[in-house]
Amino acid sequence: QLQLVESGGGLVQPGGSLTLSCAASGRALNSYALGWFRQAPGKEREGVSCISSRDNITYYLPSAKGRFTISRDNAKNTVYLQMDSLKPEDTAVYYCAAASQFRLCVMWSGEDTLDAWGQGTLVTVSS
């Protein structure tokens, strides 16, 4: 059974940077598309970024494009989200997830279609 554990969240000032990590256990990640999602207080969970299992094709939420970078290290069974130029509206609990297909990650809008979720890590952007 695939298990995911996020780390790297915390408090950062506007304009600052954070790198989130998501480590997997139980199964190898190399056959999964991987994604980062977030849920802000009082809002629905939304997809932030996805990376394919092959060719490292990426997708970004428009508000994250140019500021966030998703990457994966299959040897370490880990996916990362580098977040730069952070804004207060980026404040949320960030979750990683694994999907059997890249399109399921990109098109996710609340359905029970992803294979595994982490427990989340809180990112707070505030001065």
Protein backbone atom coordinates (compact mmCIF):
# COMPACT_ATOMS: atom_id res chain seq x y z
CA GLN A 1 0.00 0.00 0.00
CA LEU A 2 1.38 3.36 -1.03
CA GLN A 3 1.82 5.85 1.79
CA LEU A 4 2.84 9.49 1.36
CA VAL A 5 4.26 11.83 3.98
CA GLU A 6 4.74 15.55 3.37
CA SER A 7 7.26 17.78 5.11
CA GLY A 8 8.76 21.23 4.76
CA GLY A 9 5.83 23.46 5.62
CA GLY A 10 6.11 26.41 7.94
CA LEU A 11 5.84 30.15 8.35
CA VAL A 12 7.45 32.34 5.71
CA GLN A 13 7.30 36.04 4.92
CA PRO A 14 5.77 37.28 1.68
CA GLY A 15 8.31 37.01 -1.10
CA GLY A 16 10.06 34.14 0.61
CA SER A 17 10.63 30.55 -0.45
CA LEU A 18 9.88 27.07 0.84
CA THR A 19 10.50 23.60 -0.50
CA LEU A 20 7.98 20.90 0.28
CA SER A 21 8.91 17.23 0.14
CA CYS A 22 6.70 14.18 -0.12
CA ALA A 23 8.30 10.84 0.65
CA ALA A 24 6.66 7.60 -0.35
CA SER A 25 6.77 4.17 1.20
CA GLY A 26 5.15 0.87 0.40
CA ARG A 27 5.50 1.17 -3.37
CA ALA A 28 7.82 2.76 -5.86
CA LEU A 29 6.66 6.11 -7.21
CA ASN A 30 8.12 5.72 -10.68
CA SER A 31 4.88 4.42 -12.22
CA TYR A 32 2.71 7.17 -10.74
CA ALA A 33 1.92 10.68 -11.79
CA LEU A 34 2.35 12.91 -8.75
CA GLY A 35 0.70 16.10 -7.70
CA TRP A 36 0.55 18.82 -5.13
CA PHE A 37 -2.80 20.16 -3.95
CA ARG A 38 -3.74 22.75 -1.38
CA GLN A 39 -6.68 23.72 0.76
CA ALA A 40 -6.94 27.21 2.18
CA PRO A 41 -9.15 27.95 5.20
CA GLY A 42 -12.79 27.98 4.16
CA LYS A 43 -12.02 26.96 0.59
CA GLU A 44 -12.14 23.77 -1.44
CA ARG A 45 -9.02 21.77 -2.17
CA GLU A 46 -7.43 22.66 -5.50
CA GLY A 47 -4.70 21.25 -7.67
CA VAL A 48 -1.45 23.22 -7.72
CA SER A 49 0.92 21.17 -9.83
CA CYS A 50 1.33 17.73 -11.39
CA ILE A 51 4.23 15.81 -12.90
CA SER A 52 3.91 12.79 -15.15
CA SER A 53 5.45 9.41 -14.50
CA ARG A 54 7.34 9.48 -17.80
CA ASP A 55 9.04 12.42 -19.48
CA ASN A 56 8.43 14.66 -16.44
CA ILE A 57 5.67 16.60 -18.16
CA THR A 58 4.37 19.23 -15.76
CA TYR A 59 1.20 21.17 -15.13
CA TYR A 60 0.74 24.25 -12.95
CA LEU A 61 -2.21 26.17 -11.63
CA PRO A 62 -2.01 29.53 -13.45
CA SER A 63 -1.41 31.43 -10.21
CA ALA A 64 1.52 29.11 -9.41
CA LYS A 65 3.16 29.09 -12.83
CA GLY A 66 6.50 30.85 -12.82
CA ARG A 67 6.74 30.77 -9.02
CA PHE A 68 6.44 27.05 -8.17
CA THR A 69 8.49 24.15 -9.52
CA ILE A 70 7.54 20.51 -9.15
CA SER A 71 10.17 17.81 -9.46
CA ARG A 72 10.60 14.16 -8.62
CA ASP A 73 13.48 11.90 -7.63
CA ASN A 74 12.42 8.32 -8.26
CA ALA A 75 15.62 7.00 -6.70
CA LYS A 76 14.63 8.66 -3.44
CA ASN A 77 10.92 7.91 -3.94
CA THR A 78 10.22 11.58 -3.34
CA VAL A 79 8.42 14.46 -5.03
CA TYR A 80 9.18 18.11 -4.32
CA LEU A 81 7.50 21.47 -4.68
CA GLN A 82 9.82 24.46 -4.73
CA MET A 83 7.79 27.58 -3.96
CA ASP A 84 9.27 31.02 -4.59
CA SER A 85 7.86 34.54 -4.38
CA LEU A 86 5.26 33.34 -1.93
CA LYS A 87 2.14 35.41 -1.36
CA PRO A 88 -0.31 35.49 1.55
CA GLU A 89 -2.89 33.85 -0.70
CA ASP A 90 -0.62 30.80 -0.94
CA THR A 91 -1.40 30.07 2.71
CA ALA A 92 -2.94 26.61 2.88
CA VAL A 93 -2.44 23.02 3.87
CA TYR A 94 -0.50 21.40 1.05
CA TYR A 95 -1.07 17.76 0.17
CA CYS A 96 0.76 15.46 -2.18
CA ALA A 97 -1.02 12.73 -4.07
CA ALA A 98 -0.31 9.90 -6.49
CA ALA A 99 -2.36 9.13 -9.57
CA SER A 100 -2.33 6.25 -12.01
CA GLN A 101 -2.56 8.71 -14.91
CA PHE A 102 -1.29 12.26 -15.40
CA ARG A 103 -4.66 13.45 -16.67
CA LEU A 104 -6.33 12.32 -13.45
CA CYS A 105 -4.02 14.62 -11.53
CA VAL A 106 -4.47 17.57 -13.87
CA MET A 107 -8.26 17.20 -14.10
CA TRP A 108 -8.91 16.43 -10.43
CA SER A 109 -11.74 18.43 -8.93
CA GLY A 110 -12.73 16.51 -5.86
CA GLU A 111 -13.40 13.05 -7.22
CA ASP A 112 -12.12 9.90 -5.54
CA THR A 113 -9.83 9.13 -8.49
CA LEU A 114 -6.36 9.42 -6.98
CA ASP A 115 -4.53 6.46 -5.54
CA ALA A 116 -3.06 7.94 -2.38
CA TRP A 117 -2.89 11.17 -0.38
CA GLY A 118 -0.53 12.46 2.24
CA GLN A 119 -1.69 13.97 5.50
CA GLY A 120 -0.75 17.52 4.54
CA THR A 121 1.70 20.16 5.67
CA LEU A 122 0.75 23.72 6.61
CA VAL A 123 2.25 26.66 4.75
CA THR A 124 1.61 30.09 6.21
CA VAL A 125 2.71 33.19 4.33
CA SER A 126 2.56 36.19 6.60
CA SER A 127 4.62 39.11 7.80
